[in-house]
Amino acid sequence: MSTENVAGADADIVTADLWFDPSCPWAWITSRWLLEVERVRPVRARWHVMSLAVLNSGQEVPEAYREAMAQAWGPVRICIAAAAKHGEDVLGPLYTALGRRRHVEKAEWDAETFAAALTEAGADPSLADAATSTEWDEALRASHHDGISRVGMDVGTPVIAVGENAFFGPVITPAPKGESAGRLWDGVLLVAGTPGFYELKRTRDVGPIFT
């Protein structure tokens, strides 16, 4: 293949920017769907961090959720610290390593989990110390704001942006595979690109399915 053809092929690839919080099971499922979309459509995912703890800071929430948000600071801080040290390309592998441990293997958010995920992603395992540090909170809030400002404050994670179009979700379970994943992608882009379209929703009647 000529250099000109390679450049043309790259120009046809659509970048899908996804903002995630590793603690959210629904964001995890959406992210696995997006990786499947990469296999069947000319799409490349680019990963960014947002934070449910930042989003809910100062809000009245149930006690159990408040405890979950306290735990949620650790993994997002680690992701921001890893991106600062190793570059943003580490976020995809690190999210996969963190998310699989948390949502599939049911690991706790603790120093052992963080260090193992960092090592798997090829990052410095000592960055696990960032989980309990506020050093990276300014950069975390900036990344979070970059994502949430595209869709408004009444949504959560994930946020996906394709060019000028951004949206929350899709919230799905389980993640579609193969051409089913591609068809959902086509439909999501269609509605997200429709001027004046804001919401399509129904009540969830099952919990997250991770397989």
N, C-alpha and C. Protein backbone atom coordinates (compact mmCIF):
# COMPACT_ATOMS: atom_id res chain seq x y z
N MET A 1 0.86 -1.20 0.00
CA MET A 1 0.00 0.00 0.00
C MET A 1 0.88 1.24 0.00
N SER A 2 0.55 2.21 -0.84
CA SER A 2 1.35 3.42 -0.93
C SER A 2 1.14 4.29 0.29
N THR A 3 2.08 5.23 0.50
CA THR A 3 1.95 6.18 1.60
C THR A 3 0.70 7.02 1.44
N GLU A 4 0.38 7.37 0.18
CA GLU A 4 -0.82 8.17 -0.07
C GLU A 4 -2.08 7.43 0.34
N ASN A 5 -2.13 6.11 0.06
CA ASN A 5 -3.30 5.32 0.44
C ASN A 5 -3.44 5.20 1.95
N VAL A 6 -2.31 5.02 2.64
CA VAL A 6 -2.34 4.94 4.10
C VAL A 6 -2.88 6.23 4.69
N ALA A 7 -2.41 7.37 4.17
CA ALA A 7 -2.88 8.66 4.67
C ALA A 7 -4.38 8.81 4.43
N GLY A 8 -4.84 8.35 3.27
CA GLY A 8 -6.26 8.44 2.97
C GLY A 8 -7.09 7.58 3.88
N ALA A 9 -6.58 6.36 4.19
CA ALA A 9 -7.29 5.47 5.10
C ALA A 9 -7.40 6.08 6.48
N ASP A 10 -6.32 6.70 6.95
CA ASP A 10 -6.34 7.34 8.26
C ASP A 10 -7.35 8.48 8.30
N ALA A 11 -7.46 9.21 7.19
CA ALA A 11 -8.38 10.35 7.15
C ALA A 11 -9.83 9.89 7.26
N ASP A 12 -10.11 8.66 6.89
CA ASP A 12 -11.48 8.15 6.94
C ASP A 12 -11.88 7.65 8.33
N ILE A 13 -10.92 7.53 9.23
CA ILE A 13 -11.21 7.01 10.57
C ILE A 13 -11.85 8.10 11.43
N VAL A 14 -12.96 7.73 12.08
CA VAL A 14 -13.67 8.65 12.97
C VAL A 14 -13.13 8.47 14.39
N THR A 15 -12.81 9.56 15.04
CA THR A 15 -12.36 9.52 16.43
C THR A 15 -13.56 9.67 17.35
N ALA A 16 -13.70 8.73 18.27
CA ALA A 16 -14.74 8.78 19.29
C ALA A 16 -14.08 9.02 20.64
N ASP A 17 -14.26 10.21 21.19
CA ASP A 17 -13.70 10.54 22.50
C ASP A 17 -14.67 10.10 23.58
N LEU A 18 -14.20 9.27 24.48
CA LEU A 18 -15.06 8.77 25.56
C LEU A 18 -14.48 9.17 26.91
N TRP A 19 -15.32 9.80 27.74
CA TRP A 19 -14.95 10.15 29.12
C TRP A 19 -15.54 9.09 30.05
N PHE A 20 -14.72 8.51 30.87
CA PHE A 20 -15.13 7.40 31.73
C PHE A 20 -14.75 7.64 33.18
N ASP A 21 -15.49 7.02 34.06
CA ASP A 21 -15.10 6.85 35.46
C ASP A 21 -14.99 5.35 35.67
N PRO A 22 -13.81 4.84 36.07
CA PRO A 22 -13.63 3.39 36.20
C PRO A 22 -14.59 2.73 37.17
N SER A 23 -15.19 3.50 38.08
CA SER A 23 -16.09 2.91 39.07
C SER A 23 -17.48 2.61 38.52
N CYS A 24 -17.84 3.20 37.39
CA CYS A 24 -19.21 3.07 36.88
C CYS A 24 -19.37 1.80 36.03
N PRO A 25 -20.23 0.88 36.44
CA PRO A 25 -20.40 -0.36 35.66
C PRO A 25 -21.02 -0.10 34.29
N TRP A 26 -21.89 0.90 34.20
CA TRP A 26 -22.54 1.19 32.91
C TRP A 26 -21.54 1.78 31.92
N ALA A 27 -20.66 2.63 32.41
CA ALA A 27 -19.61 3.17 31.54
C ALA A 27 -18.70 2.05 31.05
N TRP A 28 -18.42 1.10 31.92
CA TRP A 28 -17.58 -0.03 31.54
C TRP A 28 -18.20 -0.81 30.37
N ILE A 29 -19.49 -1.09 30.47
CA ILE A 29 -20.15 -1.84 29.40
C ILE A 29 -20.14 -1.03 28.10
N THR A 30 -20.42 0.26 28.19
CA THR A 30 -20.38 1.10 26.99
C THR A 30 -18.99 1.12 26.38
N SER A 31 -17.98 1.16 27.21
CA SER A 31 -16.61 1.17 26.68
C SER A 31 -16.27 -0.12 25.97
N ARG A 32 -16.77 -1.25 26.46
CA ARG A 32 -16.51 -2.54 25.78
C ARG A 32 -17.25 -2.58 24.45
N TRP A 33 -18.43 -1.97 24.42
CA TRP A 33 -19.16 -1.85 23.15
C TRP A 33 -18.36 -1.01 22.16
N LEU A 34 -17.79 0.10 22.61
CA LEU A 34 -17.03 0.96 21.71
C LEU A 34 -15.81 0.24 21.15
N LEU A 35 -15.16 -0.59 21.96
CA LEU A 35 -14.04 -1.39 21.45
C LEU A 35 -14.52 -2.37 20.38
N GLU A 36 -15.72 -2.89 20.55
CA GLU A 36 -16.30 -3.77 19.53
C GLU A 36 -16.61 -2.99 18.27
N VAL A 37 -17.09 -1.76 18.43
CA VAL A 37 -17.36 -0.90 17.27
C VAL A 37 -16.09 -0.69 16.45
N GLU A 38 -14.95 -0.55 17.13
CA GLU A 38 -13.68 -0.38 16.43
C GLU A 38 -13.41 -1.53 15.46
N ARG A 39 -13.91 -2.71 15.77
CA ARG A 39 -13.67 -3.88 14.93
C ARG A 39 -14.51 -3.88 13.66
N VAL A 40 -15.66 -3.20 13.68
CA VAL A 40 -16.61 -3.32 12.57
C VAL A 40 -16.90 -1.99 11.87
N ARG A 41 -16.37 -0.90 12.39
CA ARG A 41 -16.54 0.41 11.77
C ARG A 41 -15.18 1.13 11.80
N PRO A 42 -14.99 2.10 10.89
CA PRO A 42 -13.73 2.86 10.88
C PRO A 42 -13.71 3.89 12.01
N VAL A 43 -13.63 3.40 13.21
CA VAL A 43 -13.72 4.22 14.42
C VAL A 43 -12.52 3.94 15.30
N ARG A 44 -11.97 4.97 15.89
CA ARG A 44 -10.89 4.81 16.87
C ARG A 44 -11.30 5.52 18.15
N ALA A 45 -11.28 4.78 19.26
CA ALA A 45 -11.62 5.37 20.56
C ALA A 45 -10.43 6.13 21.12
N ARG A 46 -10.74 7.23 21.76
CA ARG A 46 -9.73 8.00 22.49
C ARG A 46 -10.28 8.25 23.88
N TRP A 47 -9.49 7.95 24.91
CA TRP A 47 -10.00 7.84 26.26
C TRP A 47 -9.64 9.05 27.11
N HIS A 48 -10.60 9.46 27.94
CA HIS A 48 -10.44 10.59 28.84
C HIS A 48 -11.11 10.25 30.17
N VAL A 49 -10.76 10.99 31.20
CA VAL A 49 -11.27 10.71 32.55
C VAL A 49 -12.30 11.75 32.95
N MET A 50 -13.42 11.26 33.48
CA MET A 50 -14.34 12.12 34.20
C MET A 50 -14.59 11.48 35.57
N SER A 51 -15.28 12.15 36.43
CA SER A 51 -15.37 11.67 37.81
C SER A 51 -16.76 11.85 38.38
N LEU A 52 -17.37 10.75 38.78
CA LEU A 52 -18.66 10.82 39.47
C LEU A 52 -18.51 11.49 40.83
N ALA A 53 -17.34 11.35 41.46
CA ALA A 53 -17.11 12.01 42.74
C ALA A 53 -17.10 13.52 42.57
N VAL A 54 -16.47 13.99 41.50
CA VAL A 54 -16.49 15.43 41.21
C VAL A 54 -17.91 15.87 40.87
N LEU A 55 -18.59 15.10 40.04
CA LEU A 55 -19.95 15.45 39.60
C LEU A 55 -20.90 15.58 40.78
N ASN A 56 -20.75 14.71 41.78
CA ASN A 56 -21.67 14.69 42.91
C ASN A 56 -21.17 15.45 44.13
N SER A 57 -20.03 16.11 43.97
CA SER A 57 -19.47 16.86 45.09
C SER A 57 -20.43 17.95 45.55
N GLY A 58 -20.74 17.96 46.83
CA GLY A 58 -21.64 18.96 47.39
C GLY A 58 -23.12 18.66 47.20
N GLN A 59 -23.44 17.52 46.57
CA GLN A 59 -24.83 17.17 46.33
C GLN A 59 -25.36 16.29 47.46
N GLU A 60 -26.67 16.36 47.68
CA GLU A 60 -27.31 15.48 48.65
C GLU A 60 -27.54 14.11 48.00
N VAL A 61 -26.84 13.10 48.50
CA VAL A 61 -26.97 11.75 47.96
C VAL A 61 -27.15 10.77 49.12
N PRO A 62 -27.72 9.58 48.87
CA PRO A 62 -27.87 8.59 49.92
C PRO A 62 -26.53 8.20 50.53
N GLU A 63 -26.55 7.77 51.79
CA GLU A 63 -25.32 7.46 52.52
C GLU A 63 -24.50 6.40 51.80
N ALA A 64 -25.15 5.35 51.29
CA ALA A 64 -24.41 4.28 50.61
C ALA A 64 -23.70 4.83 49.37
N TYR A 65 -24.37 5.72 48.65
CA TYR A 65 -23.75 6.30 47.45
C TYR A 65 -22.62 7.25 47.84
N ARG A 66 -22.77 7.94 48.96
CA ARG A 66 -21.72 8.83 49.44
C ARG A 66 -20.45 8.04 49.73
N GLU A 67 -20.62 6.85 50.32
CA GLU A 67 -19.46 6.00 50.60
C GLU A 67 -18.81 5.52 49.30
N ALA A 68 -19.64 5.19 48.31
CA ALA A 68 -19.10 4.75 47.02
C ALA A 68 -18.33 5.88 46.35
N MET A 69 -18.83 7.11 46.47
CA MET A 69 -18.14 8.25 45.87
C MET A 69 -16.81 8.52 46.56
N ALA A 70 -16.73 8.29 47.86
CA ALA A 70 -15.46 8.45 48.55
C ALA A 70 -14.41 7.47 48.01
N GLN A 71 -14.85 6.25 47.70
CA GLN A 71 -13.95 5.24 47.12
C GLN A 71 -13.60 5.57 45.67
N ALA A 72 -14.47 6.30 45.00
CA ALA A 72 -14.30 6.55 43.57
C ALA A 72 -13.18 7.54 43.25
N TRP A 73 -12.71 8.30 44.25
CA TRP A 73 -11.61 9.23 43.99
C TRP A 73 -10.34 8.50 43.58
N GLY A 74 -10.07 7.36 44.18
CA GLY A 74 -8.79 6.67 43.96
C GLY A 74 -8.50 6.34 42.51
N PRO A 75 -9.36 5.59 41.83
CA PRO A 75 -9.04 5.17 40.47
C PRO A 75 -8.95 6.31 39.47
N VAL A 76 -9.76 7.36 39.63
CA VAL A 76 -9.66 8.47 38.66
C VAL A 76 -8.38 9.26 38.88
N ARG A 77 -7.97 9.41 40.12
CA ARG A 77 -6.69 10.09 40.38
C ARG A 77 -5.54 9.31 39.77
N ILE A 78 -5.59 8.00 39.89
CA ILE A 78 -4.54 7.17 39.33
C ILE A 78 -4.49 7.31 37.81
N CYS A 79 -5.63 7.33 37.18
CA CYS A 79 -5.67 7.47 35.72
C CYS A 79 -5.07 8.80 35.28
N ILE A 80 -5.42 9.88 35.98
CA ILE A 80 -4.87 11.19 35.63
C ILE A 80 -3.36 11.22 35.85
N ALA A 81 -2.90 10.64 36.95
CA ALA A 81 -1.46 10.60 37.23
C ALA A 81 -0.72 9.79 36.18
N ALA A 82 -1.29 8.67 35.77
CA ALA A 82 -0.65 7.82 34.77
C ALA A 82 -0.58 8.53 33.42
N ALA A 83 -1.65 9.24 33.05
CA ALA A 83 -1.64 9.97 31.78
C ALA A 83 -0.59 11.08 31.80
N ALA A 84 -0.43 11.72 32.95
CA ALA A 84 0.57 12.79 33.07
C ALA A 84 1.98 12.23 32.91
N LYS A 85 2.23 11.04 33.44
CA LYS A 85 3.58 10.47 33.40
C LYS A 85 3.86 9.73 32.10
N HIS A 86 2.88 9.01 31.58
CA HIS A 86 3.12 8.13 30.44
C HIS A 86 2.46 8.58 29.14
N GLY A 87 1.63 9.61 29.19
CA GLY A 87 0.89 10.04 28.02
C GLY A 87 -0.52 9.45 28.01
N GLU A 88 -1.42 10.10 27.30
CA GLU A 88 -2.83 9.70 27.34
C GLU A 88 -3.08 8.34 26.70
N ASP A 89 -2.15 7.84 25.90
CA ASP A 89 -2.35 6.51 25.30
C ASP A 89 -2.41 5.41 26.35
N VAL A 90 -1.94 5.68 27.57
CA VAL A 90 -1.99 4.67 28.62
C VAL A 90 -3.41 4.49 29.15
N LEU A 91 -4.29 5.44 28.91
CA LEU A 91 -5.61 5.40 29.54
C LEU A 91 -6.45 4.22 29.07
N GLY A 92 -6.39 3.88 27.79
CA GLY A 92 -7.16 2.74 27.31
C GLY A 92 -6.76 1.45 27.99
N PRO A 93 -5.48 1.06 27.94
CA PRO A 93 -5.05 -0.15 28.63
C PRO A 93 -5.29 -0.11 30.14
N LEU A 94 -5.09 1.06 30.74
CA LEU A 94 -5.27 1.15 32.19
C LEU A 94 -6.74 1.02 32.56
N TYR A 95 -7.62 1.63 31.79
CA TYR A 95 -9.06 1.48 32.05
C TYR A 95 -9.48 0.03 31.92
N THR A 96 -8.98 -0.65 30.91
CA THR A 96 -9.29 -2.07 30.75
C THR A 96 -8.81 -2.87 31.95
N ALA A 97 -7.60 -2.59 32.42
CA ALA A 97 -7.05 -3.33 33.55
C ALA A 97 -7.81 -3.04 34.84
N LEU A 98 -8.17 -1.78 35.05
CA LEU A 98 -8.93 -1.42 36.25
C LEU A 98 -10.36 -1.96 36.17
N GLY A 99 -11.00 -1.73 35.04
CA GLY A 99 -12.41 -2.11 34.90
C GLY A 99 -12.63 -3.61 34.98
N ARG A 100 -11.74 -4.39 34.37
CA ARG A 100 -11.90 -5.84 34.45
C ARG A 100 -11.79 -6.32 35.89
N ARG A 101 -10.83 -5.77 36.60
CA ARG A 101 -10.67 -6.19 38.00
C ARG A 101 -11.89 -5.81 38.83
N ARG A 102 -12.40 -4.61 38.61
CA ARG A 102 -13.50 -4.13 39.43
C ARG A 102 -14.83 -4.79 39.06
N HIS A 103 -15.16 -4.80 37.79
CA HIS A 103 -16.51 -5.18 37.38
C HIS A 103 -16.65 -6.66 37.05
N VAL A 104 -15.61 -7.27 36.56
CA VAL A 104 -15.67 -8.69 36.21
C VAL A 104 -15.17 -9.56 37.36
N GLU A 105 -14.01 -9.18 37.91
CA GLU A 105 -13.41 -9.98 38.98
C GLU A 105 -13.85 -9.54 40.36
N LYS A 106 -14.58 -8.44 40.46
CA LYS A 106 -15.15 -7.94 41.72
C LYS A 106 -14.09 -7.58 42.75
N ALA A 107 -12.99 -7.05 42.30
CA ALA A 107 -11.91 -6.63 43.20
C ALA A 107 -12.29 -5.34 43.92
N GLU A 108 -11.71 -5.13 45.07
CA GLU A 108 -11.89 -3.88 45.80
C GLU A 108 -10.99 -2.80 45.21
N TRP A 109 -11.39 -1.55 45.40
CA TRP A 109 -10.51 -0.45 45.05
C TRP A 109 -9.49 -0.28 46.18
N ASP A 110 -8.36 -0.94 46.05
CA ASP A 110 -7.32 -0.84 47.06
C ASP A 110 -5.96 -0.77 46.38
N ALA A 111 -4.93 -0.58 47.19
CA ALA A 111 -3.59 -0.37 46.65
C ALA A 111 -3.12 -1.56 45.81
N GLU A 112 -3.48 -2.77 46.21
CA GLU A 112 -3.07 -3.95 45.46
C GLU A 112 -3.72 -3.97 44.07
N THR A 113 -5.00 -3.67 44.02
CA THR A 113 -5.70 -3.61 42.73
C THR A 113 -5.11 -2.54 41.84
N PHE A 114 -4.85 -1.37 42.39
CA PHE A 114 -4.32 -0.26 41.60
C PHE A 114 -2.92 -0.60 41.06
N ALA A 115 -2.05 -1.13 41.90
CA ALA A 115 -0.70 -1.44 41.46
C ALA A 115 -0.69 -2.52 40.38
N ALA A 116 -1.55 -3.53 40.53
CA ALA A 116 -1.62 -4.60 39.54
C ALA A 116 -2.13 -4.08 38.20
N ALA A 117 -3.13 -3.21 38.23
CA ALA A 117 -3.66 -2.64 36.99
C ALA A 117 -2.64 -1.75 36.31
N LEU A 118 -1.94 -0.94 37.08
CA LEU A 118 -0.90 -0.09 36.51
C LEU A 118 0.20 -0.92 35.86
N THR A 119 0.61 -1.98 36.52
CA THR A 119 1.64 -2.86 35.97
C THR A 119 1.17 -3.49 34.66
N GLU A 120 -0.06 -3.98 34.65
CA GLU A 120 -0.61 -4.60 33.43
C GLU A 120 -0.62 -3.61 32.27
N ALA A 121 -0.90 -2.35 32.57
CA ALA A 121 -0.99 -1.33 31.52
C ALA A 121 0.37 -0.78 31.11
N GLY A 122 1.43 -1.29 31.73
CA GLY A 122 2.77 -0.82 31.41
C GLY A 122 3.11 0.50 32.06
N ALA A 123 2.42 0.83 33.14
CA ALA A 123 2.63 2.09 33.86
C ALA A 123 3.37 1.82 35.17
N ASP A 124 3.88 2.87 35.74
CA ASP A 124 4.63 2.79 36.99
C ASP A 124 3.69 2.39 38.13
N PRO A 125 3.89 1.23 38.76
CA PRO A 125 2.98 0.79 39.83
C PRO A 125 2.99 1.70 41.05
N SER A 126 4.06 2.49 41.21
CA SER A 126 4.11 3.40 42.37
C SER A 126 3.07 4.51 42.25
N LEU A 127 2.49 4.68 41.06
CA LEU A 127 1.43 5.68 40.89
C LEU A 127 0.17 5.30 41.66
N ALA A 128 0.12 4.09 42.20
CA ALA A 128 -1.00 3.71 43.07
C ALA A 128 -1.11 4.66 44.26
N ASP A 129 0.00 5.29 44.64
CA ASP A 129 -0.03 6.24 45.75
C ASP A 129 -0.88 7.46 45.45
N ALA A 130 -1.11 7.73 44.15
CA ALA A 130 -1.91 8.90 43.76
C ALA A 130 -3.35 8.77 44.24
N ALA A 131 -3.80 7.55 44.53
CA ALA A 131 -5.19 7.33 44.93
C ALA A 131 -5.58 8.13 46.16
N THR A 132 -4.64 8.36 47.05
CA THR A 132 -4.95 9.05 48.31
C THR A 132 -4.35 10.45 48.35
N SER A 133 -3.93 10.95 47.20
CA SER A 133 -3.31 12.27 47.12
C SER A 133 -4.22 13.23 46.37
N THR A 134 -4.22 14.49 46.76
CA THR A 134 -4.98 15.52 46.04
C THR A 134 -4.14 16.20 44.96
N GLU A 135 -2.93 15.71 44.75
CA GLU A 135 -2.00 16.36 43.82
C GLU A 135 -2.58 16.50 42.42
N TRP A 136 -3.38 15.51 42.02
CA TRP A 136 -3.86 15.47 40.64
C TRP A 136 -5.30 15.96 40.49
N ASP A 137 -5.87 16.49 41.58
CA ASP A 137 -7.29 16.83 41.53
C ASP A 137 -7.60 18.00 40.59
N GLU A 138 -6.71 18.96 40.47
CA GLU A 138 -6.95 20.06 39.55
C GLU A 138 -7.01 19.55 38.10
N ALA A 139 -6.07 18.69 37.73
CA ALA A 139 -6.07 18.12 36.39
C ALA A 139 -7.29 17.22 36.19
N LEU A 140 -7.69 16.50 37.23
CA LEU A 140 -8.88 15.65 37.16
C LEU A 140 -10.12 16.49 36.90
N ARG A 141 -10.27 17.56 37.63
CA ARG A 141 -11.44 18.42 37.45
C ARG A 141 -11.46 19.04 36.05
N ALA A 142 -10.29 19.38 35.53
CA ALA A 142 -10.22 19.94 34.18
C ALA A 142 -10.66 18.92 33.14
N SER A 143 -10.20 17.68 33.27
CA SER A 143 -10.60 16.63 32.34
C SER A 143 -12.09 16.35 32.45
N HIS A 144 -12.59 16.30 33.68
CA HIS A 144 -14.01 16.09 33.90
C HIS A 144 -14.83 17.21 33.26
N HIS A 145 -14.40 18.45 33.47
CA HIS A 145 -15.15 19.59 32.92
C HIS A 145 -15.15 19.55 31.39
N ASP A 146 -14.04 19.14 30.81
CA ASP A 146 -13.96 19.05 29.35
C ASP A 146 -15.04 18.13 28.81
N GLY A 147 -15.28 17.01 29.49
CA GLY A 147 -16.30 16.08 29.04
C GLY A 147 -17.71 16.54 29.36
N ILE A 148 -17.96 16.90 30.62
CA ILE A 148 -19.33 17.18 31.05
C ILE A 148 -19.84 18.48 30.44
N SER A 149 -18.96 19.43 30.13
CA SER A 149 -19.40 20.69 29.55
C SER A 149 -19.96 20.52 28.15
N ARG A 150 -19.67 19.39 27.53
CA ARG A 150 -20.19 19.14 26.17
C ARG A 150 -21.64 18.66 26.18
N VAL A 151 -22.11 18.17 27.33
CA VAL A 151 -23.45 17.57 27.38
C VAL A 151 -24.35 18.16 28.45
N GLY A 152 -23.81 18.94 29.39
CA GLY A 152 -24.63 19.51 30.45
C GLY A 152 -24.48 18.74 31.75
N MET A 153 -24.97 19.32 32.83
CA MET A 153 -24.70 18.80 34.17
C MET A 153 -25.70 17.74 34.63
N ASP A 154 -26.76 17.47 33.87
CA ASP A 154 -27.77 16.53 34.35
C ASP A 154 -27.57 15.13 33.82
N VAL A 155 -26.33 14.77 33.50
CA VAL A 155 -26.01 13.41 33.06
C VAL A 155 -24.81 12.91 33.86
N GLY A 156 -24.38 11.69 33.55
CA GLY A 156 -23.24 11.11 34.23
C GLY A 156 -22.22 10.59 33.24
N THR A 157 -21.67 9.43 33.54
CA THR A 157 -20.66 8.82 32.69
C THR A 157 -21.23 7.56 32.07
N PRO A 158 -20.91 7.24 30.81
CA PRO A 158 -19.90 7.88 29.98
C PRO A 158 -20.45 9.02 29.15
N VAL A 159 -19.53 9.87 28.72
CA VAL A 159 -19.82 10.88 27.71
C VAL A 159 -19.00 10.52 26.48
N ILE A 160 -19.63 10.56 25.32
CA ILE A 160 -18.94 10.30 24.06
C ILE A 160 -19.11 11.52 23.17
N ALA A 161 -18.02 11.93 22.54
CA ALA A 161 -18.05 13.04 21.59
C ALA A 161 -17.47 12.57 20.27
N VAL A 162 -18.19 12.88 19.20
CA VAL A 162 -17.72 12.62 17.84
C VAL A 162 -17.80 13.96 17.11
N GLY A 163 -16.66 14.58 16.91
CA GLY A 163 -16.67 15.92 16.36
C GLY A 163 -17.40 16.88 17.28
N GLU A 164 -18.35 17.62 16.73
CA GLU A 164 -19.10 18.59 17.52
C GLU A 164 -20.29 17.97 18.25
N ASN A 165 -20.60 16.72 17.95
CA ASN A 165 -21.74 16.05 18.60
C ASN A 165 -21.27 15.28 19.82
N ALA A 166 -21.93 15.51 20.95
CA ALA A 166 -21.59 14.80 22.18
C ALA A 166 -22.88 14.35 22.85
N PHE A 167 -22.78 13.26 23.60
CA PHE A 167 -23.97 12.70 24.23
C PHE A 167 -23.56 11.84 25.41
N PHE A 168 -24.48 11.63 26.33
CA PHE A 168 -24.32 10.70 27.44
C PHE A 168 -24.77 9.31 27.00
N GLY A 169 -24.00 8.29 27.34
CA GLY A 169 -24.39 6.92 27.01
C GLY A 169 -23.72 6.44 25.75
N PRO A 170 -24.33 5.46 25.07
CA PRO A 170 -25.60 4.81 25.40
C PRO A 170 -25.47 3.89 26.61
N VAL A 171 -26.55 3.79 27.38
CA VAL A 171 -26.62 2.88 28.52
C VAL A 171 -27.19 1.56 27.99
N ILE A 172 -26.39 0.52 28.00
CA ILE A 172 -26.77 -0.76 27.39
C ILE A 172 -26.27 -1.91 28.25
N THR A 173 -26.92 -3.04 28.13
CA THR A 173 -26.43 -4.26 28.76
C THR A 173 -27.11 -5.47 28.13
N PRO A 174 -26.32 -6.49 27.76
CA PRO A 174 -24.86 -6.50 27.69
C PRO A 174 -24.37 -5.71 26.48
N ALA A 175 -23.06 -5.60 26.32
CA ALA A 175 -22.50 -4.89 25.18
C ALA A 175 -22.73 -5.69 23.90
N PRO A 176 -23.34 -5.08 22.88
CA PRO A 176 -23.55 -5.79 21.62
C PRO A 176 -22.22 -6.18 20.99
N LYS A 177 -22.26 -7.25 20.22
CA LYS A 177 -21.05 -7.75 19.56
C LYS A 177 -21.22 -7.69 18.04
N GLY A 178 -20.09 -7.65 17.34
CA GLY A 178 -20.09 -7.75 15.89
C GLY A 178 -20.92 -6.67 15.23
N GLU A 179 -21.64 -7.06 14.19
CA GLU A 179 -22.42 -6.10 13.42
C GLU A 179 -23.53 -5.46 14.25
N SER A 180 -24.01 -6.15 15.29
CA SER A 180 -24.99 -5.53 16.18
C SER A 180 -24.40 -4.29 16.86
N ALA A 181 -23.13 -4.37 17.23
CA ALA A 181 -22.45 -3.21 17.80
C ALA A 181 -22.36 -2.09 16.77
N GLY A 182 -22.05 -2.45 15.54
CA GLY A 182 -21.95 -1.46 14.49
C GLY A 182 -23.27 -0.79 14.18
N ARG A 183 -24.36 -1.54 14.16
CA ARG A 183 -25.67 -0.96 13.89
C ARG A 183 -26.09 0.01 14.99
N LEU A 184 -25.78 -0.35 16.24
CA LEU A 184 -26.08 0.57 17.33
C LEU A 184 -25.28 1.85 17.17
N TRP A 185 -24.03 1.73 16.81
CA TRP A 185 -23.19 2.91 16.58
C TRP A 185 -23.81 3.80 15.50
N ASP A 186 -24.22 3.19 14.41
CA ASP A 186 -24.84 3.96 13.32
C ASP A 186 -26.07 4.71 13.81
N GLY A 187 -26.89 4.03 14.60
CA GLY A 187 -28.10 4.65 15.10
C GLY A 187 -27.82 5.76 16.10
N VAL A 188 -26.85 5.54 16.97
CA VAL A 188 -26.50 6.57 17.95
C VAL A 188 -26.00 7.83 17.24
N LEU A 189 -25.16 7.66 16.24
CA LEU A 189 -24.68 8.82 15.50
C LEU A 189 -25.82 9.54 14.79
N LEU A 190 -26.78 8.76 14.28
CA LEU A 190 -27.91 9.37 13.58
C LEU A 190 -28.72 10.26 14.51
N VAL A 191 -29.10 9.74 15.69
CA VAL A 191 -29.92 10.56 16.58
C VAL A 191 -29.12 11.70 17.20
N ALA A 192 -27.85 11.44 17.54
CA ALA A 192 -27.03 12.49 18.14
C ALA A 192 -26.77 13.63 17.17
N GLY A 193 -26.77 13.32 15.88
CA GLY A 193 -26.53 14.35 14.88
C GLY A 193 -27.78 15.04 14.39
N THR A 194 -28.93 14.70 14.97
CA THR A 194 -30.19 15.32 14.58
C THR A 194 -30.42 16.60 15.38
N PRO A 195 -30.47 17.75 14.74
CA PRO A 195 -30.68 19.00 15.48
C PRO A 195 -31.95 18.94 16.32
N GLY A 196 -31.84 19.35 17.58
CA GLY A 196 -33.00 19.38 18.46
C GLY A 196 -33.29 18.08 19.16
N PHE A 197 -32.52 17.01 18.85
CA PHE A 197 -32.75 15.74 19.54
C PHE A 197 -32.03 15.76 20.89
N TYR A 198 -32.74 15.39 21.98
CA TYR A 198 -32.16 15.44 23.31
C TYR A 198 -32.23 14.14 24.08
N GLU A 199 -33.30 13.38 23.95
CA GLU A 199 -33.44 12.26 24.89
C GLU A 199 -34.26 11.13 24.29
N LEU A 200 -33.81 9.92 24.60
CA LEU A 200 -34.54 8.69 24.27
C LEU A 200 -34.26 7.74 25.42
N LYS A 201 -35.29 7.35 26.19
CA LYS A 201 -35.01 6.64 27.42
C LYS A 201 -36.15 5.71 27.79
N ARG A 202 -35.81 4.60 28.49
CA ARG A 202 -36.83 3.75 29.10
C ARG A 202 -36.26 3.18 30.40
N THR A 203 -37.12 2.72 31.27
CA THR A 203 -36.68 2.23 32.58
C THR A 203 -35.86 0.95 32.43
N ARG A 204 -34.73 0.90 33.13
CA ARG A 204 -33.90 -0.32 33.12
C ARG A 204 -34.57 -1.39 33.95
N ASP A 205 -34.68 -2.59 33.41
CA ASP A 205 -35.29 -3.69 34.15
C ASP A 205 -34.32 -4.84 34.42
N VAL A 206 -33.04 -4.64 34.08
CA VAL A 206 -31.98 -5.59 34.43
C VAL A 206 -30.75 -4.81 34.87
N GLY A 207 -29.90 -5.46 35.63
CA GLY A 207 -28.66 -4.85 36.05
C GLY A 207 -27.56 -5.03 35.02
N PRO A 208 -26.37 -4.49 35.29
CA PRO A 208 -25.25 -4.62 34.35
C PRO A 208 -24.89 -6.09 34.11
N ILE A 209 -24.68 -6.45 32.86
CA ILE A 209 -24.23 -7.78 32.45
C ILE A 209 -22.85 -7.61 31.83
N PHE A 210 -21.84 -8.21 32.42
CA PHE A 210 -20.47 -7.94 32.03
C PHE A 210 -19.86 -8.94 31.07
N THR A 211 -20.62 -9.95 30.65
CA THR A 211 -20.04 -10.95 29.77
C THR A 211 -20.80 -10.98 28.45
